N, C-alpha and C. Protein backbone atom coordinates (compact mmCIF):
# COMPACT_ATOMS: atom_id res chain seq x y z
N UNK A 1 -2.31 -27.94 7.57
CA UNK A 1 -2.26 -27.80 6.13
C UNK A 1 -0.91 -28.28 5.63
N UNK A 2 -0.92 -29.00 4.55
CA UNK A 2 0.32 -29.51 3.96
C UNK A 2 1.12 -28.38 3.33
N UNK A 3 2.41 -28.56 3.29
CA UNK A 3 3.29 -27.60 2.64
C UNK A 3 3.32 -27.89 1.15
N UNK A 4 3.49 -26.86 0.30
CA UNK A 4 3.53 -27.08 -1.15
C UNK A 4 4.59 -28.10 -1.56
N UNK A 5 5.71 -28.12 -0.85
CA UNK A 5 6.78 -29.05 -1.23
C UNK A 5 6.41 -30.50 -0.94
N UNK A 6 5.30 -30.75 -0.22
CA UNK A 6 4.85 -32.12 0.05
C UNK A 6 4.18 -32.75 -1.17
N UNK A 7 3.84 -31.93 -2.17
CA UNK A 7 3.13 -32.43 -3.34
C UNK A 7 4.10 -32.65 -4.49
N UNK A 8 3.90 -33.71 -5.27
CA UNK A 8 4.78 -33.93 -6.43
C UNK A 8 4.75 -32.71 -7.35
N UNK A 9 5.91 -32.21 -7.72
CA UNK A 9 5.99 -31.04 -8.59
C UNK A 9 5.74 -29.75 -7.84
N UNK A 10 5.55 -29.83 -6.51
CA UNK A 10 5.28 -28.65 -5.71
C UNK A 10 6.51 -27.78 -5.56
N UNK A 11 6.28 -26.54 -5.23
CA UNK A 11 7.37 -25.58 -5.03
C UNK A 11 7.17 -24.90 -3.69
N UNK A 12 7.91 -23.86 -3.44
CA UNK A 12 7.75 -23.12 -2.20
C UNK A 12 6.55 -22.19 -2.26
N UNK A 13 5.98 -22.02 -3.42
CA UNK A 13 4.80 -21.17 -3.59
C UNK A 13 3.60 -21.86 -2.97
N UNK A 14 2.74 -21.07 -2.32
CA UNK A 14 1.53 -21.64 -1.75
C UNK A 14 0.65 -22.21 -2.84
N UNK A 15 -0.01 -23.31 -2.54
CA UNK A 15 -0.94 -23.94 -3.47
C UNK A 15 -2.35 -23.65 -2.96
N UNK A 16 -3.17 -23.07 -3.80
CA UNK A 16 -4.53 -22.73 -3.42
C UNK A 16 -5.48 -23.58 -4.25
N UNK A 17 -6.44 -24.19 -3.57
CA UNK A 17 -7.41 -25.03 -4.26
C UNK A 17 -8.81 -24.53 -3.97
N UNK A 18 -9.71 -24.82 -4.88
CA UNK A 18 -11.13 -24.52 -4.71
C UNK A 18 -11.83 -25.85 -4.59
N UNK A 19 -12.61 -26.02 -3.54
CA UNK A 19 -13.37 -27.26 -3.34
C UNK A 19 -14.77 -27.03 -3.90
N UNK A 20 -15.13 -27.83 -4.90
CA UNK A 20 -16.43 -27.70 -5.54
C UNK A 20 -17.53 -28.37 -4.74
N UNK A 21 -18.78 -28.11 -5.13
CA UNK A 21 -19.93 -28.70 -4.46
C UNK A 21 -19.90 -30.22 -4.52
N UNK A 22 -19.24 -30.77 -5.55
CA UNK A 22 -19.15 -32.22 -5.68
C UNK A 22 -17.87 -32.77 -5.02
N UNK A 23 -17.22 -31.96 -4.17
CA UNK A 23 -16.02 -32.31 -3.41
C UNK A 23 -14.76 -32.43 -4.26
N UNK A 24 -14.79 -31.94 -5.49
CA UNK A 24 -13.57 -31.94 -6.30
C UNK A 24 -12.68 -30.78 -5.86
N UNK A 25 -11.39 -30.98 -5.95
CA UNK A 25 -10.43 -29.93 -5.59
C UNK A 25 -9.74 -29.47 -6.87
N UNK A 26 -9.83 -28.19 -7.17
CA UNK A 26 -9.22 -27.64 -8.37
C UNK A 26 -8.10 -26.68 -7.98
N UNK A 27 -6.92 -26.85 -8.59
CA UNK A 27 -5.81 -25.94 -8.37
C UNK A 27 -6.15 -24.61 -9.02
N UNK A 28 -6.00 -23.54 -8.27
CA UNK A 28 -6.34 -22.22 -8.77
C UNK A 28 -5.14 -21.31 -8.62
N UNK A 29 -4.88 -20.51 -9.63
CA UNK A 29 -3.80 -19.56 -9.56
C UNK A 29 -4.36 -18.15 -9.54
N UNK A 30 -3.72 -17.30 -8.77
CA UNK A 30 -4.13 -15.90 -8.71
C UNK A 30 -3.90 -15.27 -10.08
N UNK A 31 -4.90 -14.61 -10.60
CA UNK A 31 -4.79 -14.01 -11.92
C UNK A 31 -4.03 -12.69 -11.84
N UNK A 32 -3.08 -12.52 -12.68
CA UNK A 32 -2.34 -11.27 -12.75
C UNK A 32 -1.86 -11.08 -14.18
N UNK A 33 -1.38 -9.89 -14.46
CA UNK A 33 -0.88 -9.62 -15.80
C UNK A 33 0.40 -10.40 -16.05
N UNK A 34 0.56 -10.96 -17.25
CA UNK A 34 1.82 -11.62 -17.57
C UNK A 34 2.94 -10.59 -17.71
N UNK A 35 4.17 -11.02 -17.52
CA UNK A 35 5.32 -10.12 -17.62
C UNK A 35 5.71 -9.93 -19.08
N UNK A 36 5.84 -8.68 -19.49
CA UNK A 36 6.23 -8.36 -20.86
C UNK A 36 7.68 -8.76 -21.11
N UNK A 37 7.95 -9.21 -22.32
CA UNK A 37 9.32 -9.51 -22.72
C UNK A 37 10.10 -8.22 -22.93
N UNK A 38 9.41 -7.17 -23.31
CA UNK A 38 10.05 -5.87 -23.52
C UNK A 38 9.02 -4.79 -23.22
N UNK A 39 9.52 -3.58 -23.08
CA UNK A 39 8.61 -2.47 -22.82
C UNK A 39 8.16 -1.89 -24.16
N UNK A 40 8.07 -0.61 -24.29
CA UNK A 40 7.57 0.02 -25.51
C UNK A 40 8.37 -0.42 -26.73
N UNK A 41 7.65 -0.82 -27.78
CA UNK A 41 8.27 -1.24 -29.03
C UNK A 41 7.33 -0.82 -30.16
N UNK A 42 7.71 0.19 -30.91
CA UNK A 42 6.82 0.74 -31.94
C UNK A 42 6.67 -0.15 -33.15
N UNK A 43 7.48 -1.22 -33.25
CA UNK A 43 7.43 -2.09 -34.42
C UNK A 43 6.81 -3.45 -34.16
N UNK A 44 6.64 -3.84 -32.89
CA UNK A 44 6.17 -5.18 -32.56
C UNK A 44 5.11 -5.14 -31.46
N UNK A 45 4.24 -6.14 -31.44
CA UNK A 45 3.24 -6.22 -30.37
C UNK A 45 3.90 -6.60 -29.04
N UNK A 46 3.18 -6.40 -27.96
CA UNK A 46 3.65 -6.83 -26.64
C UNK A 46 3.68 -8.36 -26.62
N UNK A 47 4.73 -8.94 -26.04
CA UNK A 47 4.83 -10.39 -25.97
C UNK A 47 5.26 -10.85 -24.59
N UNK A 48 4.90 -12.09 -24.27
CA UNK A 48 5.41 -12.79 -23.09
C UNK A 48 5.71 -14.20 -23.55
N UNK A 49 6.91 -14.66 -23.28
CA UNK A 49 7.32 -16.01 -23.69
C UNK A 49 7.05 -16.28 -25.17
N UNK A 50 7.25 -15.28 -26.01
CA UNK A 50 7.08 -15.45 -27.45
C UNK A 50 5.65 -15.40 -27.94
N UNK A 51 4.69 -15.18 -27.05
CA UNK A 51 3.28 -15.11 -27.44
C UNK A 51 2.80 -13.67 -27.38
N UNK A 52 2.16 -13.21 -28.45
CA UNK A 52 1.62 -11.86 -28.47
C UNK A 52 0.52 -11.74 -27.42
N UNK A 53 0.52 -10.63 -26.69
CA UNK A 53 -0.47 -10.37 -25.66
C UNK A 53 -1.08 -9.00 -25.88
N UNK A 54 -2.32 -8.83 -25.47
CA UNK A 54 -2.96 -7.53 -25.56
C UNK A 54 -2.42 -6.62 -24.45
N UNK A 55 -2.35 -7.14 -23.22
CA UNK A 55 -1.86 -6.37 -22.08
C UNK A 55 -0.83 -7.20 -21.34
N UNK A 56 0.25 -6.55 -20.89
CA UNK A 56 1.24 -7.20 -20.04
C UNK A 56 1.86 -6.13 -19.15
N UNK A 57 2.74 -6.54 -18.27
CA UNK A 57 3.31 -5.62 -17.30
C UNK A 57 4.82 -5.82 -17.20
N UNK A 58 5.54 -4.74 -16.97
CA UNK A 58 6.99 -4.82 -16.77
C UNK A 58 7.42 -3.63 -15.91
N UNK A 59 8.20 -3.92 -14.89
CA UNK A 59 8.72 -2.88 -13.99
C UNK A 59 7.61 -1.98 -13.43
N UNK A 60 6.49 -2.59 -13.07
CA UNK A 60 5.41 -1.84 -12.43
C UNK A 60 4.53 -1.04 -13.35
N UNK A 61 4.75 -1.12 -14.66
CA UNK A 61 3.92 -0.39 -15.63
C UNK A 61 3.22 -1.38 -16.55
N UNK A 62 2.06 -0.99 -17.05
CA UNK A 62 1.30 -1.84 -17.95
C UNK A 62 1.44 -1.36 -19.39
N UNK A 63 1.46 -2.34 -20.30
CA UNK A 63 1.61 -2.06 -21.72
C UNK A 63 0.52 -2.79 -22.48
N UNK A 64 0.13 -2.24 -23.62
CA UNK A 64 -0.89 -2.88 -24.44
C UNK A 64 -0.49 -2.82 -25.90
N UNK A 65 -0.95 -3.84 -26.64
CA UNK A 65 -0.71 -3.87 -28.07
C UNK A 65 -1.78 -3.01 -28.74
N UNK A 66 -1.32 -2.05 -29.53
CA UNK A 66 -2.22 -1.15 -30.24
C UNK A 66 -1.65 -0.96 -31.64
N UNK A 67 -2.40 -1.37 -32.65
CA UNK A 67 -1.94 -1.28 -34.04
C UNK A 67 -0.59 -1.97 -34.23
N UNK A 68 -0.46 -3.17 -33.69
CA UNK A 68 0.75 -4.00 -33.81
C UNK A 68 1.99 -3.38 -33.17
N UNK A 69 1.80 -2.46 -32.23
CA UNK A 69 2.92 -1.87 -31.51
C UNK A 69 2.66 -1.97 -30.01
N UNK A 70 3.71 -2.20 -29.23
CA UNK A 70 3.60 -2.28 -27.78
C UNK A 70 3.77 -0.88 -27.21
N UNK A 71 2.68 -0.36 -26.61
CA UNK A 71 2.67 1.01 -26.10
C UNK A 71 2.23 1.00 -24.64
N UNK A 72 2.47 2.11 -23.96
CA UNK A 72 1.98 2.26 -22.60
C UNK A 72 0.46 2.10 -22.61
N UNK A 73 -0.08 1.41 -21.63
CA UNK A 73 -1.52 1.16 -21.58
C UNK A 73 -2.27 2.46 -21.36
N UNK A 74 -3.33 2.63 -22.14
CA UNK A 74 -4.19 3.81 -21.99
C UNK A 74 -5.20 3.58 -20.88
N UNK A 75 -5.85 4.64 -20.44
CA UNK A 75 -6.85 4.54 -19.39
C UNK A 75 -8.13 3.92 -19.94
N UNK A 76 -8.91 3.34 -19.04
CA UNK A 76 -10.19 2.75 -19.42
C UNK A 76 -10.29 1.29 -19.04
N UNK A 77 -11.34 0.66 -19.49
CA UNK A 77 -11.60 -0.75 -19.19
C UNK A 77 -11.18 -1.59 -20.38
N UNK A 78 -10.46 -2.66 -20.12
CA UNK A 78 -10.02 -3.59 -21.17
C UNK A 78 -10.72 -4.93 -20.93
N UNK A 79 -11.25 -5.49 -21.98
CA UNK A 79 -11.93 -6.77 -21.92
C UNK A 79 -11.12 -7.76 -22.75
N UNK A 80 -10.63 -8.82 -22.11
CA UNK A 80 -9.75 -9.76 -22.79
C UNK A 80 -10.20 -11.18 -22.57
N UNK A 81 -9.85 -12.05 -23.50
CA UNK A 81 -10.15 -13.47 -23.33
C UNK A 81 -8.99 -14.28 -23.90
N UNK A 82 -9.04 -15.58 -23.71
CA UNK A 82 -8.01 -16.49 -24.20
C UNK A 82 -6.62 -16.08 -23.72
N UNK A 83 -6.47 -15.96 -22.41
CA UNK A 83 -5.19 -15.65 -21.79
C UNK A 83 -4.57 -14.36 -22.31
N UNK A 84 -5.37 -13.32 -22.41
CA UNK A 84 -4.93 -11.98 -22.83
C UNK A 84 -4.41 -11.92 -24.25
N UNK A 85 -4.83 -12.85 -25.09
CA UNK A 85 -4.38 -12.87 -26.48
C UNK A 85 -5.41 -12.21 -27.39
N UNK A 86 -6.65 -12.22 -27.00
CA UNK A 86 -7.72 -11.75 -27.87
C UNK A 86 -8.61 -10.75 -27.13
N UNK A 87 -9.00 -9.68 -27.80
CA UNK A 87 -9.90 -8.71 -27.19
C UNK A 87 -11.31 -9.28 -27.15
N UNK A 88 -12.06 -8.86 -26.16
CA UNK A 88 -13.45 -9.28 -26.02
C UNK A 88 -14.31 -8.03 -25.92
N UNK A 89 -15.60 -8.20 -26.07
CA UNK A 89 -16.50 -7.06 -25.91
C UNK A 89 -17.00 -7.05 -24.47
N UNK A 90 -17.64 -5.97 -24.08
CA UNK A 90 -18.16 -5.85 -22.71
C UNK A 90 -19.26 -6.87 -22.44
N UNK A 91 -19.78 -7.50 -23.47
CA UNK A 91 -20.86 -8.47 -23.28
C UNK A 91 -20.38 -9.91 -23.35
N UNK A 92 -19.06 -10.12 -23.38
CA UNK A 92 -18.52 -11.48 -23.46
C UNK A 92 -18.42 -12.08 -22.07
N UNK A 93 -18.90 -13.30 -21.93
CA UNK A 93 -18.80 -14.00 -20.66
C UNK A 93 -17.44 -14.68 -20.55
N UNK A 94 -17.00 -14.93 -19.36
CA UNK A 94 -15.76 -15.63 -19.01
C UNK A 94 -14.51 -14.96 -19.54
N UNK A 95 -14.55 -13.69 -19.78
CA UNK A 95 -13.34 -12.95 -20.15
C UNK A 95 -12.73 -12.39 -18.88
N UNK A 96 -11.53 -11.83 -19.01
CA UNK A 96 -10.92 -11.12 -17.89
C UNK A 96 -11.11 -9.63 -18.14
N UNK A 97 -11.35 -8.91 -17.08
CA UNK A 97 -11.62 -7.49 -17.18
C UNK A 97 -10.56 -6.72 -16.40
N UNK A 98 -9.98 -5.73 -17.04
CA UNK A 98 -8.96 -4.90 -16.41
C UNK A 98 -9.40 -3.45 -16.46
N UNK A 99 -9.08 -2.71 -15.40
CA UNK A 99 -9.29 -1.27 -15.40
C UNK A 99 -7.91 -0.65 -15.39
N UNK A 100 -7.66 0.21 -16.37
CA UNK A 100 -6.34 0.85 -16.51
C UNK A 100 -6.46 2.32 -16.16
N UNK A 101 -5.50 2.80 -15.36
CA UNK A 101 -5.47 4.19 -14.95
C UNK A 101 -4.02 4.61 -14.76
N UNK A 102 -3.64 5.70 -15.38
CA UNK A 102 -2.29 6.26 -15.25
C UNK A 102 -1.19 5.24 -15.55
N UNK A 103 -1.40 4.43 -16.57
CA UNK A 103 -0.37 3.49 -17.01
C UNK A 103 -0.27 2.20 -16.24
N UNK A 104 -1.22 1.93 -15.34
CA UNK A 104 -1.23 0.68 -14.59
C UNK A 104 -2.59 0.03 -14.73
N UNK A 105 -2.60 -1.26 -15.09
CA UNK A 105 -3.86 -1.99 -15.24
C UNK A 105 -4.01 -2.97 -14.08
N UNK A 106 -5.20 -3.03 -13.53
CA UNK A 106 -5.51 -3.95 -12.44
C UNK A 106 -6.65 -4.86 -12.86
N UNK A 107 -6.53 -6.13 -12.52
CA UNK A 107 -7.59 -7.08 -12.79
C UNK A 107 -8.79 -6.75 -11.93
N UNK A 108 -9.98 -6.76 -12.52
CA UNK A 108 -11.20 -6.52 -11.76
C UNK A 108 -11.45 -7.72 -10.86
N UNK A 109 -11.62 -7.46 -9.59
CA UNK A 109 -11.96 -8.50 -8.61
C UNK A 109 -13.20 -8.01 -7.87
N UNK A 110 -14.26 -8.78 -7.92
CA UNK A 110 -15.52 -8.37 -7.31
C UNK A 110 -16.53 -8.06 -8.39
N UNK A 111 -17.36 -7.05 -8.17
CA UNK A 111 -18.43 -6.69 -9.10
C UNK A 111 -18.09 -5.41 -9.83
N UNK A 112 -18.40 -5.37 -11.12
CA UNK A 112 -18.22 -4.18 -11.94
C UNK A 112 -19.49 -4.00 -12.76
N UNK A 113 -20.12 -2.83 -12.63
CA UNK A 113 -21.31 -2.54 -13.44
C UNK A 113 -20.81 -1.93 -14.74
N UNK A 114 -21.16 -2.57 -15.85
CA UNK A 114 -20.72 -2.13 -17.17
C UNK A 114 -21.96 -2.01 -18.05
N UNK A 115 -22.46 -0.80 -18.19
CA UNK A 115 -23.69 -0.60 -18.98
C UNK A 115 -24.86 -1.27 -18.29
N UNK A 116 -25.54 -2.15 -19.00
CA UNK A 116 -26.70 -2.85 -18.42
C UNK A 116 -26.32 -4.25 -17.94
N UNK A 117 -25.03 -4.46 -17.67
CA UNK A 117 -24.54 -5.76 -17.20
C UNK A 117 -23.77 -5.60 -15.90
N UNK A 118 -23.72 -6.69 -15.13
CA UNK A 118 -22.87 -6.77 -13.95
C UNK A 118 -21.84 -7.84 -14.23
N UNK A 119 -20.57 -7.48 -14.14
CA UNK A 119 -19.47 -8.42 -14.33
C UNK A 119 -19.00 -8.82 -12.94
N UNK A 120 -18.94 -10.12 -12.67
CA UNK A 120 -18.49 -10.62 -11.37
C UNK A 120 -17.24 -11.46 -11.58
N UNK A 121 -16.15 -11.03 -10.95
CA UNK A 121 -14.86 -11.72 -11.09
C UNK A 121 -14.35 -12.08 -9.71
N UNK A 122 -13.87 -13.31 -9.56
CA UNK A 122 -13.37 -13.71 -8.25
C UNK A 122 -11.87 -13.48 -8.11
N UNK A 123 -11.19 -13.03 -9.17
CA UNK A 123 -9.77 -12.73 -9.07
C UNK A 123 -8.86 -13.92 -9.28
N UNK A 124 -9.42 -15.06 -9.65
CA UNK A 124 -8.62 -16.25 -9.93
C UNK A 124 -8.66 -16.50 -11.43
N UNK A 125 -7.83 -17.37 -11.91
CA UNK A 125 -7.78 -17.68 -13.34
C UNK A 125 -8.95 -18.56 -13.76
N UNK A 126 -10.14 -18.09 -13.56
CA UNK A 126 -11.34 -18.82 -13.96
C UNK A 126 -12.22 -17.99 -14.88
N UNK A 127 -11.82 -16.77 -15.17
CA UNK A 127 -12.66 -15.88 -15.95
C UNK A 127 -13.71 -15.24 -15.07
N UNK A 128 -14.59 -14.51 -15.67
CA UNK A 128 -15.63 -13.77 -14.96
C UNK A 128 -16.99 -14.17 -15.50
N UNK A 129 -18.02 -13.88 -14.72
CA UNK A 129 -19.37 -14.12 -15.21
C UNK A 129 -20.02 -12.78 -15.51
N UNK A 130 -20.92 -12.78 -16.44
CA UNK A 130 -21.59 -11.58 -16.88
C UNK A 130 -23.10 -11.80 -16.79
N UNK A 131 -23.80 -10.91 -16.11
CA UNK A 131 -25.25 -11.04 -15.95
C UNK A 131 -25.91 -9.71 -16.30
N UNK A 132 -26.93 -9.76 -17.13
CA UNK A 132 -27.70 -8.56 -17.43
C UNK A 132 -28.40 -8.11 -16.14
N UNK A 133 -28.41 -6.81 -15.86
CA UNK A 133 -29.03 -6.33 -14.62
C UNK A 133 -30.50 -6.74 -14.54
N UNK A 134 -31.17 -6.85 -15.69
CA UNK A 134 -32.58 -7.26 -15.70
C UNK A 134 -32.74 -8.72 -15.25
N UNK A 135 -31.67 -9.53 -15.35
CA UNK A 135 -31.75 -10.95 -14.98
C UNK A 135 -31.31 -11.22 -13.54
N UNK A 136 -30.93 -10.19 -12.81
CA UNK A 136 -30.50 -10.37 -11.42
C UNK A 136 -31.70 -10.66 -10.53
N UNK A 137 -31.50 -11.39 -9.42
CA UNK A 137 -32.61 -11.59 -8.47
C UNK A 137 -33.10 -10.24 -7.95
N UNK A 138 -34.33 -10.20 -7.47
CA UNK A 138 -34.91 -8.95 -7.00
C UNK A 138 -34.87 -8.81 -5.48
N UNK A 139 -34.41 -9.84 -4.77
CA UNK A 139 -34.34 -9.78 -3.31
C UNK A 139 -33.25 -10.72 -2.81
N UNK A 140 -32.73 -10.43 -1.63
CA UNK A 140 -31.78 -11.34 -0.99
C UNK A 140 -32.54 -12.56 -0.49
N UNK A 141 -31.89 -13.70 -0.42
CA UNK A 141 -32.55 -14.91 0.06
C UNK A 141 -32.81 -14.83 1.56
N UNK A 142 -33.84 -15.50 2.01
CA UNK A 142 -34.22 -15.47 3.43
C UNK A 142 -33.17 -16.15 4.31
N UNK A 143 -32.40 -17.08 3.75
CA UNK A 143 -31.40 -17.79 4.57
C UNK A 143 -30.01 -17.18 4.47
N UNK A 144 -29.84 -16.11 3.69
CA UNK A 144 -28.57 -15.42 3.61
C UNK A 144 -27.49 -16.11 2.80
N UNK A 145 -27.86 -17.10 2.00
CA UNK A 145 -26.87 -17.86 1.23
C UNK A 145 -26.32 -17.09 0.03
N UNK A 146 -26.88 -15.95 -0.27
CA UNK A 146 -26.39 -15.17 -1.41
C UNK A 146 -25.59 -13.95 -0.96
N UNK A 147 -24.98 -14.03 0.21
CA UNK A 147 -24.19 -12.92 0.74
C UNK A 147 -23.11 -12.51 -0.26
N UNK A 148 -23.02 -11.21 -0.50
CA UNK A 148 -22.03 -10.69 -1.45
C UNK A 148 -22.55 -10.60 -2.87
N UNK A 149 -23.73 -11.12 -3.14
CA UNK A 149 -24.29 -11.06 -4.49
C UNK A 149 -25.05 -9.75 -4.68
N UNK A 150 -25.17 -9.35 -5.93
CA UNK A 150 -25.90 -8.13 -6.28
C UNK A 150 -27.32 -8.51 -6.68
N UNK A 151 -28.28 -7.69 -6.22
CA UNK A 151 -29.68 -7.85 -6.61
C UNK A 151 -30.13 -6.59 -7.32
N UNK A 152 -31.24 -6.71 -8.06
CA UNK A 152 -31.83 -5.57 -8.75
C UNK A 152 -33.21 -5.35 -8.15
N UNK A 153 -33.26 -4.45 -7.17
CA UNK A 153 -34.52 -4.17 -6.48
C UNK A 153 -35.11 -2.88 -7.02
N UNK A 154 -36.19 -2.99 -7.75
CA UNK A 154 -36.87 -1.81 -8.34
C UNK A 154 -35.90 -0.94 -9.13
N UNK A 155 -35.11 -1.59 -10.01
CA UNK A 155 -34.13 -0.92 -10.87
C UNK A 155 -32.97 -0.27 -10.10
N UNK A 156 -32.79 -0.63 -8.84
CA UNK A 156 -31.65 -0.15 -8.05
C UNK A 156 -30.79 -1.36 -7.69
N UNK A 157 -29.51 -1.30 -8.03
CA UNK A 157 -28.61 -2.41 -7.71
C UNK A 157 -28.18 -2.31 -6.26
N UNK A 158 -28.29 -3.43 -5.55
CA UNK A 158 -27.94 -3.47 -4.13
C UNK A 158 -27.15 -4.74 -3.87
N UNK A 159 -26.37 -4.72 -2.78
CA UNK A 159 -25.52 -5.84 -2.41
C UNK A 159 -26.11 -6.52 -1.18
N UNK A 160 -26.20 -7.85 -1.21
CA UNK A 160 -26.74 -8.61 -0.08
C UNK A 160 -25.69 -8.81 1.01
N UNK A 161 -26.07 -8.52 2.25
CA UNK A 161 -25.25 -8.80 3.44
C UNK A 161 -26.11 -9.68 4.33
N UNK A 162 -25.85 -10.98 4.30
CA UNK A 162 -26.73 -11.90 5.05
C UNK A 162 -28.11 -11.86 4.45
N UNK A 163 -29.10 -11.51 5.26
CA UNK A 163 -30.47 -11.43 4.75
C UNK A 163 -30.89 -10.00 4.48
N UNK A 164 -29.97 -9.03 4.67
CA UNK A 164 -30.30 -7.63 4.43
C UNK A 164 -29.48 -7.11 3.24
N UNK A 165 -29.78 -5.89 2.82
CA UNK A 165 -29.06 -5.28 1.70
C UNK A 165 -28.54 -3.92 2.10
């Protein structure tokens, strides 16, 4: 494997690519919360690099903009889109989903059941997909190509492992 510094503009940071079905290689960055410019600020929204953000992180704690003030992040699920600048609803596709608990927000990676939908996030800066549970397949494939996918078998959500669930 080539070293990152072998590529023009490369750094010491590892470069991760996704190879598509059509053999294209896409540079992918691990999704994480942007760093806040400041912590709690009762007069201004949370910002990173001069851009207002809904959620950001500083010194291991998460902050969120609430009523134009930067406050400690509350517990619960946050749905965001457009690089954490705009709130989304639980039914929005390609948003980022965060679960916040005790002042720390983590990006959802994997599957999250939210009401009558399943949110699937791979943890990279590509957004997430949203599927209504009624639209999920009802069985795992015979060849096991859907390993790790969720199915809806008789109104029960199950995870495929090879050809079994």
